[in-house]
Amino acid sequence: MSYESGSLECRRLIEAKENLLQLMHALSFLQEIDHINVKLKEIYKEIDEMHEARKKLENKV
């Protein structure tokens, strides 16, 4: 992990994002999966937004 996270929740969100990136990379070698990549990118974005919100919350404390 390249980022030192502050809480267990942040670490799990970072891990989920990293796993999604690995999955998208693995699937990039397959044909006709554009619709899956679109969904995975949407999920990644949602998790990233959750992570940013959590970081802001933790910085307030």
N, C-alpha and C. Protein backbone atom coordinates (compact mmCIF):
# COMPACT_ATOMS: atom_id res chain seq x y z
N MET A 1 0.83 -1.16 0.00
CA MET A 1 0.00 0.00 0.00
C MET A 1 0.89 1.24 0.00
N SER A 2 0.63 2.13 -0.91
CA SER A 2 1.48 3.31 -1.01
C SER A 2 1.01 4.44 -0.12
N TYR A 3 -0.16 4.35 0.42
CA TYR A 3 -0.75 5.41 1.25
C TYR A 3 -0.95 4.87 2.65
N GLU A 4 -0.47 5.58 3.63
CA GLU A 4 -0.66 5.16 5.02
C GLU A 4 -2.01 5.68 5.50
N SER A 5 -2.94 4.81 5.62
CA SER A 5 -4.29 5.22 5.99
C SER A 5 -4.43 5.38 7.49
N GLY A 6 -5.44 6.15 7.89
CA GLY A 6 -5.61 6.47 9.29
C GLY A 6 -6.53 5.56 10.05
N SER A 7 -7.39 4.84 9.38
CA SER A 7 -8.33 3.99 10.09
C SER A 7 -8.51 2.67 9.34
N LEU A 8 -9.10 1.74 10.03
CA LEU A 8 -9.38 0.45 9.42
C LEU A 8 -10.32 0.62 8.23
N GLU A 9 -11.30 1.50 8.36
CA GLU A 9 -12.24 1.72 7.26
C GLU A 9 -11.50 2.27 6.03
N CYS A 10 -10.61 3.24 6.24
CA CYS A 10 -9.83 3.78 5.12
C CYS A 10 -8.96 2.69 4.48
N ARG A 11 -8.33 1.90 5.30
CA ARG A 11 -7.48 0.82 4.76
C ARG A 11 -8.31 -0.13 3.91
N ARG A 12 -9.49 -0.45 4.36
CA ARG A 12 -10.35 -1.37 3.60
C ARG A 12 -10.83 -0.75 2.30
N LEU A 13 -11.13 0.54 2.33
CA LEU A 13 -11.54 1.23 1.11
C LEU A 13 -10.39 1.29 0.10
N ILE A 14 -9.19 1.57 0.60
CA ILE A 14 -8.01 1.59 -0.27
C ILE A 14 -7.77 0.20 -0.86
N GLU A 15 -7.89 -0.81 -0.04
CA GLU A 15 -7.69 -2.18 -0.51
C GLU A 15 -8.73 -2.55 -1.57
N ALA A 16 -9.97 -2.14 -1.36
CA ALA A 16 -11.02 -2.42 -2.34
C ALA A 16 -10.71 -1.73 -3.67
N LYS A 17 -10.25 -0.48 -3.60
CA LYS A 17 -9.90 0.23 -4.83
C LYS A 17 -8.74 -0.46 -5.55
N GLU A 18 -7.74 -0.87 -4.81
CA GLU A 18 -6.59 -1.56 -5.42
C GLU A 18 -7.02 -2.87 -6.06
N ASN A 19 -7.90 -3.60 -5.39
CA ASN A 19 -8.40 -4.86 -5.94
C ASN A 19 -9.19 -4.63 -7.22
N LEU A 20 -9.98 -3.58 -7.24
CA LEU A 20 -10.73 -3.26 -8.46
C LEU A 20 -9.79 -2.91 -9.61
N LEU A 21 -8.74 -2.16 -9.32
CA LEU A 21 -7.77 -1.83 -10.36
C LEU A 21 -7.11 -3.08 -10.91
N GLN A 22 -6.76 -4.02 -10.03
CA GLN A 22 -6.17 -5.28 -10.48
C GLN A 22 -7.15 -6.06 -11.34
N LEU A 23 -8.41 -6.08 -10.93
CA LEU A 23 -9.44 -6.78 -11.69
C LEU A 23 -9.62 -6.16 -13.07
N MET A 24 -9.68 -4.83 -13.12
CA MET A 24 -9.84 -4.16 -14.41
C MET A 24 -8.64 -4.43 -15.31
N HIS A 25 -7.45 -4.48 -14.74
CA HIS A 25 -6.27 -4.79 -15.53
C HIS A 25 -6.34 -6.22 -16.07
N ALA A 26 -6.72 -7.16 -15.23
CA ALA A 26 -6.82 -8.56 -15.67
C ALA A 26 -7.86 -8.72 -16.77
N LEU A 27 -8.96 -8.01 -16.64
CA LEU A 27 -10.02 -8.13 -17.63
C LEU A 27 -9.70 -7.39 -18.93
N SER A 28 -8.75 -6.47 -18.88
CA SER A 28 -8.43 -5.68 -20.07
C SER A 28 -7.91 -6.54 -21.21
N PHE A 29 -7.48 -7.74 -20.90
CA PHE A 29 -6.97 -8.63 -21.93
C PHE A 29 -8.06 -9.44 -22.61
N LEU A 30 -9.28 -9.32 -22.13
CA LEU A 30 -10.41 -10.04 -22.71
C LEU A 30 -11.17 -9.15 -23.69
N GLN A 31 -11.84 -9.77 -24.62
CA GLN A 31 -12.61 -9.02 -25.61
C GLN A 31 -14.07 -8.91 -25.18
N GLU A 32 -14.71 -7.90 -25.68
CA GLU A 32 -16.14 -7.68 -25.52
C GLU A 32 -16.59 -7.60 -24.06
N ILE A 33 -15.84 -6.89 -23.25
CA ILE A 33 -16.23 -6.72 -21.85
C ILE A 33 -16.34 -5.24 -21.47
N ASP A 34 -16.50 -4.40 -22.48
CA ASP A 34 -16.59 -2.96 -22.21
C ASP A 34 -17.69 -2.63 -21.22
N HIS A 35 -18.81 -3.32 -21.31
CA HIS A 35 -19.93 -3.06 -20.41
C HIS A 35 -19.56 -3.38 -18.95
N ILE A 36 -18.73 -4.38 -18.76
CA ILE A 36 -18.28 -4.73 -17.41
C ILE A 36 -17.31 -3.67 -16.90
N ASN A 37 -16.41 -3.21 -17.77
CA ASN A 37 -15.46 -2.18 -17.36
C ASN A 37 -16.16 -0.89 -16.96
N VAL A 38 -17.23 -0.55 -17.65
CA VAL A 38 -18.00 0.65 -17.30
C VAL A 38 -18.56 0.50 -15.89
N LYS A 39 -19.12 -0.65 -15.59
CA LYS A 39 -19.67 -0.89 -14.25
C LYS A 39 -18.58 -0.86 -13.18
N LEU A 40 -17.45 -1.48 -13.47
CA LEU A 40 -16.35 -1.51 -12.51
C LEU A 40 -15.81 -0.11 -12.25
N LYS A 41 -15.72 0.72 -13.28
CA LYS A 41 -15.27 2.10 -13.11
C LYS A 41 -16.25 2.90 -12.26
N GLU A 42 -17.54 2.65 -12.44
CA GLU A 42 -18.55 3.32 -11.62
C GLU A 42 -18.41 2.90 -10.15
N ILE A 43 -18.18 1.63 -9.92
CA ILE A 43 -17.99 1.12 -8.56
C ILE A 43 -16.73 1.73 -7.96
N TYR A 44 -15.65 1.78 -8.74
CA TYR A 44 -14.41 2.38 -8.26
C TYR A 44 -14.65 3.83 -7.85
N LYS A 45 -15.35 4.57 -8.69
CA LYS A 45 -15.61 5.99 -8.40
C LYS A 45 -16.42 6.13 -7.11
N GLU A 46 -17.40 5.28 -6.93
CA GLU A 46 -18.22 5.34 -5.72
C GLU A 46 -17.39 5.03 -4.47
N ILE A 47 -16.53 4.04 -4.54
CA ILE A 47 -15.68 3.69 -3.41
C ILE A 47 -14.68 4.82 -3.15
N ASP A 48 -14.15 5.43 -4.21
CA ASP A 48 -13.23 6.54 -4.05
C ASP A 48 -13.92 7.72 -3.36
N GLU A 49 -15.15 7.99 -3.72
CA GLU A 49 -15.91 9.06 -3.07
C GLU A 49 -16.15 8.75 -1.59
N MET A 50 -16.43 7.48 -1.29
CA MET A 50 -16.58 7.06 0.11
C MET A 50 -15.28 7.28 0.87
N HIS A 51 -14.17 6.95 0.23
CA HIS A 51 -12.86 7.11 0.86
C HIS A 51 -12.57 8.58 1.12
N GLU A 52 -12.83 9.44 0.15
CA GLU A 52 -12.59 10.87 0.32
C GLU A 52 -13.45 11.43 1.45
N ALA A 53 -14.70 11.01 1.51
CA ALA A 53 -15.59 11.47 2.58
C ALA A 53 -15.09 11.00 3.94
N ARG A 54 -14.60 9.79 4.00
CA ARG A 54 -14.08 9.26 5.26
C ARG A 54 -12.83 10.01 5.70
N LYS A 55 -11.95 10.32 4.74
CA LYS A 55 -10.75 11.07 5.07
C LYS A 55 -11.10 12.45 5.63
N LYS A 56 -12.07 13.11 5.01
CA LYS A 56 -12.50 14.43 5.50
C LYS A 56 -13.07 14.31 6.92
N LEU A 57 -13.86 13.28 7.15
CA LEU A 57 -14.44 13.06 8.47
C LEU A 57 -13.34 12.85 9.51
N GLU A 58 -12.36 12.05 9.17
CA GLU A 58 -11.27 11.76 10.11
C GLU A 58 -10.39 12.98 10.35
N ASN A 59 -10.23 13.83 9.35
CA ASN A 59 -9.42 15.03 9.53
C ASN A 59 -10.09 16.06 10.43
N LYS A 60 -11.41 15.99 10.55
CA LYS A 60 -12.14 16.90 11.43
C LYS A 60 -11.96 16.51 12.89
N VAL A 61 -11.74 15.23 13.13
CA VAL A 61 -11.66 14.72 14.52
C VAL A 61 -10.32 15.02 15.13
